[in-house]
């Protein structure tokens, strides 16, 4: 179960990094700073994104069920 959780987090982080890298030339940063995923940020994202995704999906499913009643 923990391996699945970490795998989902790594997959989501990989997708986020690819999206950010492909659009980095279009993103404007305050004070000209560039955004780089550091290792602590990567670890945080791997841990937190599956939880966030689960909460959003849970509420979305509940919302759809309430609409379909």
PDB file of N, CA and C in Angstrom:
ATOM      1  N   UNK A   1       0.821  -1.196   0.000  1.00  0.00           N
ATOM      2  CA  UNK A   1       0.000   0.000   0.000  1.00  0.00           C
ATOM      3  C   UNK A   1       0.865   1.261   0.000  1.00  0.00           C
ATOM      4  N   UNK A   2       1.917   1.261   0.822  1.00  0.00           N
ATOM      5  CA  UNK A   2       2.808   2.418   0.880  1.00  0.00           C
ATOM      6  C   UNK A   2       3.536   2.610  -0.452  1.00  0.00           C
ATOM      7  N   UNK A   3       3.914   1.509  -1.089  1.00  0.00           N
ATOM      8  CA  UNK A   3       4.594   1.598  -2.385  1.00  0.00           C
ATOM      9  C   UNK A   3       3.658   2.196  -3.432  1.00  0.00           C
ATOM     10  N   UNK A   4       2.386   1.797  -3.412  1.00  0.00           N
ATOM     11  CA  UNK A   4       1.410   2.365  -4.341  1.00  0.00           C
ATOM     12  C   UNK A   4       1.231   3.859  -4.095  1.00  0.00           C
ATOM     13  N   UNK A   5       1.159   4.241  -2.824  1.00  0.00           N
ATOM     14  CA  UNK A   5       0.991   5.640  -2.459  1.00  0.00           C
ATOM     15  C   UNK A   5       2.165   6.476  -2.962  1.00  0.00           C
ATOM     16  N   UNK A   6       3.370   5.997  -2.716  1.00  0.00           N
ATOM     17  CA  UNK A   6       4.562   6.720  -3.154  1.00  0.00           C
ATOM     18  C   UNK A   6       4.640   6.747  -4.684  1.00  0.00           C
ATOM     19  N   UNK A   7       4.260   5.662  -5.335  1.00  0.00           N
ATOM     20  CA  UNK A   7       4.264   5.613  -6.803  1.00  0.00           C
ATOM     21  C   UNK A   7       3.314   6.643  -7.391  1.00  0.00           C
ATOM     22  N   UNK A   8       2.130   6.774  -6.800  1.00  0.00           N
ATOM     23  CA  UNK A   8       1.175   7.780  -7.270  1.00  0.00           C
ATOM     24  C   UNK A   8       1.751   9.177  -7.071  1.00  0.00           C
ATOM     25  N   UNK A   9       2.364   9.425  -5.935  1.00  0.00           N
ATOM     26  CA  UNK A   9       2.981  10.725  -5.678  1.00  0.00           C
ATOM     27  C   UNK A   9       4.089  11.047  -6.669  1.00  0.00           C
ATOM     28  N   UNK A  10       4.915  10.058  -6.974  1.00  0.00           N
ATOM     29  CA  UNK A  10       6.004  10.258  -7.940  1.00  0.00           C
ATOM     30  C   UNK A  10       5.440  10.523  -9.331  1.00  0.00           C
ATOM     31  N   UNK A  11       4.393   9.809  -9.713  1.00  0.00           N
ATOM     32  CA  UNK A  11       3.767  10.028 -11.020  1.00  0.00           C
ATOM     33  C   UNK A  11       3.193  11.439 -11.125  1.00  0.00           C
ATOM     34  N   UNK A  12       2.487  11.877 -10.089  1.00  0.00           N
ATOM     35  CA  UNK A  12       1.918  13.230 -10.099  1.00  0.00           C
ATOM     36  C   UNK A  12       3.025  14.272 -10.146  1.00  0.00           C
ATOM     37  N   UNK A  13       4.086  14.080  -9.370  1.00  0.00           N
ATOM     38  CA  UNK A  13       5.205  15.018  -9.393  1.00  0.00           C
ATOM     39  C   UNK A  13       5.853  15.056 -10.772  1.00  0.00           C
ATOM     40  N   UNK A  14       6.020  13.906 -11.406  1.00  0.00           N
ATOM     41  CA  UNK A  14       6.592  13.842 -12.742  1.00  0.00           C
ATOM     42  C   UNK A  14       5.738  14.641 -13.726  1.00  0.00           C
ATOM     43  N   UNK A  15       4.424  14.481 -13.646  1.00  0.00           N
ATOM     44  CA  UNK A  15       3.534  15.230 -14.536  1.00  0.00           C
ATOM     45  C   UNK A  15       3.618  16.734 -14.271  1.00  0.00           C
ATOM     46  N   UNK A  16       3.660  17.125 -13.004  1.00  0.00           N
ATOM     47  CA  UNK A  16       3.759  18.542 -12.667  1.00  0.00           C
ATOM     48  C   UNK A  16       5.068  19.130 -13.179  1.00  0.00           C
ATOM     49  N   UNK A  17       6.168  18.407 -12.980  1.00  0.00           N
ATOM     50  CA  UNK A  17       7.463  18.908 -13.457  1.00  0.00           C
ATOM     51  C   UNK A  17       7.470  19.064 -14.969  1.00  0.00           C
ATOM     52  N   UNK A  18       6.889  18.126 -15.692  1.00  0.00           N
ATOM     53  CA  UNK A  18       6.847  18.237 -17.150  1.00  0.00           C
ATOM     54  C   UNK A  18       6.003  19.414 -17.598  1.00  0.00           C
ATOM     55  N   UNK A  19       4.887  19.642 -16.942  1.00  0.00           N
ATOM     56  CA  UNK A  19       4.044  20.787 -17.299  1.00  0.00           C
ATOM     57  C   UNK A  19       4.770  22.095 -17.010  1.00  0.00           C
ATOM     58  N   UNK A  20       5.393  22.188 -15.847  1.00  0.00           N
ATOM     59  CA  UNK A  20       6.114  23.417 -15.490  1.00  0.00           C
ATOM     60  C   UNK A  20       7.282  23.651 -16.449  1.00  0.00           C
ATOM     61  N   UNK A  21       8.035  22.600 -16.755  1.00  0.00           N
ATOM     62  CA  UNK A  21       9.178  22.762 -17.657  1.00  0.00           C
ATOM     63  C   UNK A  21       8.749  23.148 -19.063  1.00  0.00           C
ATOM     64  N   UNK A  22       7.646  22.594 -19.550  1.00  0.00           N
ATOM     65  CA  UNK A  22       7.223  22.908 -20.912  1.00  0.00           C
ATOM     66  C   UNK A  22       6.650  24.317 -21.028  1.00  0.00           C
ATOM     67  N   UNK A  23       6.145  24.875 -19.939  1.00  0.00           N
ATOM     68  CA  UNK A  23       5.570  26.220 -19.970  1.00  0.00           C
ATOM     69  C   UNK A  23       6.412  27.237 -19.211  1.00  0.00           C
ATOM     70  N   UNK A  24       7.631  26.876 -18.847  1.00  0.00           N
ATOM     71  CA  UNK A  24       8.445  27.771 -18.015  1.00  0.00           C
ATOM     72  C   UNK A  24       8.792  29.084 -18.713  1.00  0.00           C
ATOM     73  N   UNK A  25       8.873  29.068 -20.025  1.00  0.00           N
ATOM     74  CA  UNK A  25       9.200  30.320 -20.715  1.00  0.00           C
ATOM     75  C   UNK A  25       8.022  31.290 -20.695  1.00  0.00           C
ATOM     76  N   UNK A  26       6.802  30.780 -20.498  1.00  0.00           N
ATOM     77  CA  UNK A  26       5.610  31.628 -20.487  1.00  0.00           C
ATOM     78  C   UNK A  26       5.231  32.094 -19.085  1.00  0.00           C
ATOM     79  N   UNK A  27       5.844  31.501 -18.054  1.00  0.00           N
ATOM     80  CA  UNK A  27       5.511  31.844 -16.682  1.00  0.00           C
ATOM     81  C   UNK A  27       6.369  33.026 -16.241  1.00  0.00           C
ATOM     82  N   UNK A  28       5.726  34.065 -15.720  1.00  0.00           N
ATOM     83  CA  UNK A  28       6.463  35.217 -15.225  1.00  0.00           C
ATOM     84  C   UNK A  28       6.610  35.103 -13.716  1.00  0.00           C
ATOM     85  N   UNK A  29       7.798  35.316 -13.232  1.00  0.00           N
ATOM     86  CA  UNK A  29       8.076  35.210 -11.809  1.00  0.00           C
ATOM     87  C   UNK A  29       8.306  36.587 -11.230  1.00  0.00           C
ATOM     88  N   UNK A  30       7.943  36.744  -9.977  1.00  0.00           N
ATOM     89  CA  UNK A  30       8.172  38.012  -9.283  1.00  0.00           C
ATOM     90  C   UNK A  30       9.674  38.160  -9.057  1.00  0.00           C
ATOM     91  N   UNK A  31      10.197  39.314  -9.343  1.00  0.00           N
ATOM     92  CA  UNK A  31      11.613  39.643  -9.157  1.00  0.00           C
ATOM     93  C   UNK A  31      12.541  38.787 -10.010  1.00  0.00           C
ATOM     94  N   UNK A  32      12.036  38.221 -11.086  1.00  0.00           N
ATOM     95  CA  UNK A  32      12.885  37.494 -12.023  1.00  0.00           C
ATOM     96  C   UNK A  32      13.416  36.168 -11.535  1.00  0.00           C
ATOM     97  N   UNK A  33      12.900  35.646 -10.428  1.00  0.00           N
ATOM     98  CA  UNK A  33      13.370  34.356  -9.920  1.00  0.00           C
ATOM     99  C   UNK A  33      12.865  33.229 -10.804  1.00  0.00           C
ATOM    100  N   UNK A  34      13.652  32.190 -10.904  1.00  0.00           N
ATOM    101  CA  UNK A  34      13.200  31.003 -11.626  1.00  0.00           C
ATOM    102  C   UNK A  34      12.824  29.940 -10.605  1.00  0.00           C
ATOM    103  N   UNK A  35      11.842  29.139 -10.950  1.00  0.00           N
ATOM    104  CA  UNK A  35      11.370  28.102 -10.047  1.00  0.00           C
ATOM    105  C   UNK A  35      12.033  26.786 -10.394  1.00  0.00           C
ATOM    106  N   UNK A  36      12.645  26.176  -9.400  1.00  0.00           N
ATOM    107  CA  UNK A  36      13.289  24.882  -9.578  1.00  0.00           C
ATOM    108  C   UNK A  36      12.806  23.980  -8.449  1.00  0.00           C
ATOM    109  N   UNK A  37      12.445  22.756  -8.809  1.00  0.00           N
ATOM    110  CA  UNK A  37      12.048  21.798  -7.780  1.00  0.00           C
ATOM    111  C   UNK A  37      13.294  21.322  -7.047  1.00  0.00           C
ATOM    112  N   UNK A  38      13.407  21.678  -5.773  1.00  0.00           N
ATOM    113  CA  UNK A  38      14.510  21.165  -4.966  1.00  0.00           C
ATOM    114  C   UNK A  38      14.082  19.826  -4.375  1.00  0.00           C
ATOM    115  N   UNK A  39      15.015  19.102  -3.802  1.00  0.00           N
ATOM    116  CA  UNK A  39      14.682  17.790  -3.247  1.00  0.00           C
ATOM    117  C   UNK A  39      13.660  17.861  -2.113  1.00  0.00           C
ATOM    118  N   UNK A  40      13.735  18.831  -1.183  1.00  0.00           N
ATOM    119  CA  UNK A  40      12.672  18.903  -0.172  1.00  0.00           C
ATOM    120  C   UNK A  40      11.286  19.161  -0.776  1.00  0.00           C
ATOM    121  N   UNK A  41      11.227  19.990  -1.815  1.00  0.00           N
ATOM    122  CA  UNK A  41       9.948  20.233  -2.476  1.00  0.00           C
ATOM    123  C   UNK A  41       9.460  18.963  -3.163  1.00  0.00           C
ATOM    124  N   UNK A  42      10.345  18.235  -3.787  1.00  0.00           N
ATOM    125  CA  UNK A  42       9.962  16.974  -4.428  1.00  0.00           C
ATOM    126  C   UNK A  42       9.407  15.982  -3.410  1.00  0.00           C
ATOM    127  N   UNK A  43      10.071  15.856  -2.273  1.00  0.00           N
ATOM    128  CA  UNK A  43       9.607  14.929  -1.238  1.00  0.00           C
ATOM    129  C   UNK A  43       8.246  15.373  -0.714  1.00  0.00           C
ATOM    130  N   UNK A  44       8.070  16.668  -0.482  1.00  0.00           N
ATOM    131  CA  UNK A  44       6.793  17.186  -0.017  1.00  0.00           C
ATOM    132  C   UNK A  44       5.693  16.888  -1.028  1.00  0.00           C
ATOM    133  N   UNK A  45       5.970  17.107  -2.309  1.00  0.00           N
ATOM    134  CA  UNK A  45       4.967  16.853  -3.344  1.00  0.00           C
ATOM    135  C   UNK A  45       4.613  15.375  -3.443  1.00  0.00           C
ATOM    136  N   UNK A  46       5.606  14.520  -3.337  1.00  0.00           N
ATOM    137  CA  UNK A  46       5.352  13.075  -3.393  1.00  0.00           C
ATOM    138  C   UNK A  46       4.459  12.651  -2.234  1.00  0.00           C
ATOM    139  N   UNK A  47       4.614  13.288  -1.082  1.00  0.00           N
ATOM    140  CA  UNK A  47       3.814  12.920   0.090  1.00  0.00           C
ATOM    141  C   UNK A  47       2.422  13.552   0.048  1.00  0.00           C
ATOM    142  N   UNK A  48       2.307  14.803  -0.359  1.00  0.00           N
ATOM    143  CA  UNK A  48       1.050  15.533  -0.203  1.00  0.00           C
ATOM    144  C   UNK A  48       0.102  15.399  -1.392  1.00  0.00           C
ATOM    145  N   UNK A  49       0.595  15.243  -2.619  1.00  0.00           N
ATOM    146  CA  UNK A  49      -0.307  15.236  -3.770  1.00  0.00           C
ATOM    147  C   UNK A  49      -1.295  14.078  -3.784  1.00  0.00           C
ATOM    148  N   UNK A  50      -0.918  12.848  -3.430  1.00  0.00           N
ATOM    149  CA  UNK A  50      -1.944  11.792  -3.401  1.00  0.00           C
ATOM    150  C   UNK A  50      -3.057  12.077  -2.394  1.00  0.00           C
ATOM    151  N   UNK A  51      -2.717  12.689  -1.253  1.00  0.00           N
ATOM    152  CA  UNK A  51      -3.741  13.050  -0.266  1.00  0.00           C
ATOM    153  C   UNK A  51      -4.669  14.111  -0.852  1.00  0.00           C
ATOM    154  N   UNK A  52      -4.090  15.119  -1.474  1.00  0.00           N
ATOM    155  CA  UNK A  52      -4.876  16.194  -2.068  1.00  0.00           C
ATOM    156  C   UNK A  52      -5.785  15.652  -3.164  1.00  0.00           C
ATOM    157  N   UNK A  53      -5.251  14.807  -4.009  1.00  0.00           N
ATOM    158  CA  UNK A  53      -6.043  14.215  -5.083  1.00  0.00           C
ATOM    159  C   UNK A  53      -7.187  13.382  -4.521  1.00  0.00           C
ATOM    160  N   UNK A  54      -6.937  12.609  -3.472  1.00  0.00           N
ATOM    161  CA  UNK A  54      -7.982  11.780  -2.864  1.00  0.00           C
ATOM    162  C   UNK A  54      -9.093  12.649  -2.281  1.00  0.00           C
ATOM    163  N   UNK A  55      -8.738  13.739  -1.607  1.00  0.00           N
ATOM    164  CA  UNK A  55      -9.748  14.627  -1.025  1.00  0.00           C
ATOM    165  C   UNK A  55     -10.582  15.284  -2.113  1.00  0.00           C
ATOM    166  N   UNK A  56      -9.932  15.761  -3.156  1.00  0.00           N
ATOM    167  CA  UNK A  56     -10.659  16.410  -4.256  1.00  0.00           C
ATOM    168  C   UNK A  56     -11.589  15.410  -4.943  1.00  0.00           C
ATOM    169  N   UNK A  57     -11.111  14.207  -5.222  1.00  0.00           N
ATOM    170  CA  UNK A  57     -11.956  13.203  -5.860  1.00  0.00           C
ATOM    171  C   UNK A  57     -13.130  12.804  -4.969  1.00  0.00           C
ATOM    172  N   UNK A  58     -12.901  12.672  -3.676  1.00  0.00           N
ATOM    173  CA  UNK A  58     -13.975  12.315  -2.748  1.00  0.00           C
ATOM    174  C   UNK A  58     -15.086  13.362  -2.781  1.00  0.00           C
ATOM    175  N   UNK A  59     -14.694  14.636  -2.702  1.00  0.00           N
ATOM    176  CA  UNK A  59     -15.692  15.696  -2.707  1.00  0.00           C
ATOM    177  C   UNK A  59     -16.362  15.835  -4.069  1.00  0.00           C
ATOM    178  N   UNK A  60     -15.636  15.602  -5.126  1.00  0.00           N
ATOM    179  CA  UNK A  60     -16.223  15.663  -6.464  1.00  0.00           C
ATOM    180  C   UNK A  60     -17.250  14.553  -6.647  1.00  0.00           C
ATOM    181  N   UNK A  61     -16.931  13.357  -6.217  1.00  0.00           N
ATOM    182  CA  UNK A  61     -17.867  12.238  -6.329  1.00  0.00           C
ATOM    183  C   UNK A  61     -19.118  12.512  -5.490  1.00  0.00           C
ATOM    184  N   UNK A  62     -18.928  13.029  -4.285  1.00  0.00           N
ATOM    185  CA  UNK A  62     -20.075  13.366  -3.434  1.00  0.00           C
ATOM    186  C   UNK A  62     -20.928  14.451  -4.079  1.00  0.00           C
ATOM    187  N   UNK A  63     -20.298  15.435  -4.685  1.00  0.00           N
ATOM    188  CA  UNK A  63     -21.014  16.520  -5.353  1.00  0.00           C
ATOM    189  C   UNK A  63     -21.834  15.991  -6.519  1.00  0.00           C
ATOM    190  N   UNK A  64     -21.246  15.097  -7.311  1.00  0.00           N
ATOM    191  CA  UNK A  64     -21.952  14.503  -8.455  1.00  0.00           C
ATOM    192  C   UNK A  64     -23.130  13.656  -7.961  1.00  0.00           C
ATOM    193  N   UNK A  65     -22.948  12.894  -6.896  1.00  0.00           N
ATOM    194  CA  UNK A  65     -24.036  12.086  -6.332  1.00  0.00           C
ATOM    195  C   UNK A  65     -25.190  12.971  -5.879  1.00  0.00           C
ATOM    196  N   UNK A  66     -24.872  14.113  -5.263  1.00  0.00           N
ATOM    197  CA  UNK A  66     -25.926  15.032  -4.815  1.00  0.00           C
ATOM    198  C   UNK A  66     -26.656  15.644  -5.988  1.00  0.00           C
ATOM    199  N   UNK A  67     -25.989  15.919  -7.069  1.00  0.00           N
ATOM    200  CA  UNK A  67     -26.631  16.487  -8.243  1.00  0.00           C
ATOM    201  C   UNK A  67     -27.559  15.458  -8.893  1.00  0.00           C
ATOM    202  N   UNK A  68     -27.135  14.215  -8.931  1.00  0.00           N
ATOM    203  CA  UNK A  68     -27.903  13.171  -9.610  1.00  0.00           C
ATOM    204  C   UNK A  68     -29.094  12.653  -8.790  1.00  0.00           C
ATOM    205  N   UNK A  69     -29.234  13.090  -7.556  1.00  0.00           N
ATOM    206  CA  UNK A  69     -30.382  12.648  -6.740  1.00  0.00           C
ATOM    207  C   UNK A  69     -31.671  13.201  -7.258  1.00  0.00           C
TER     208      UNK A  69
END
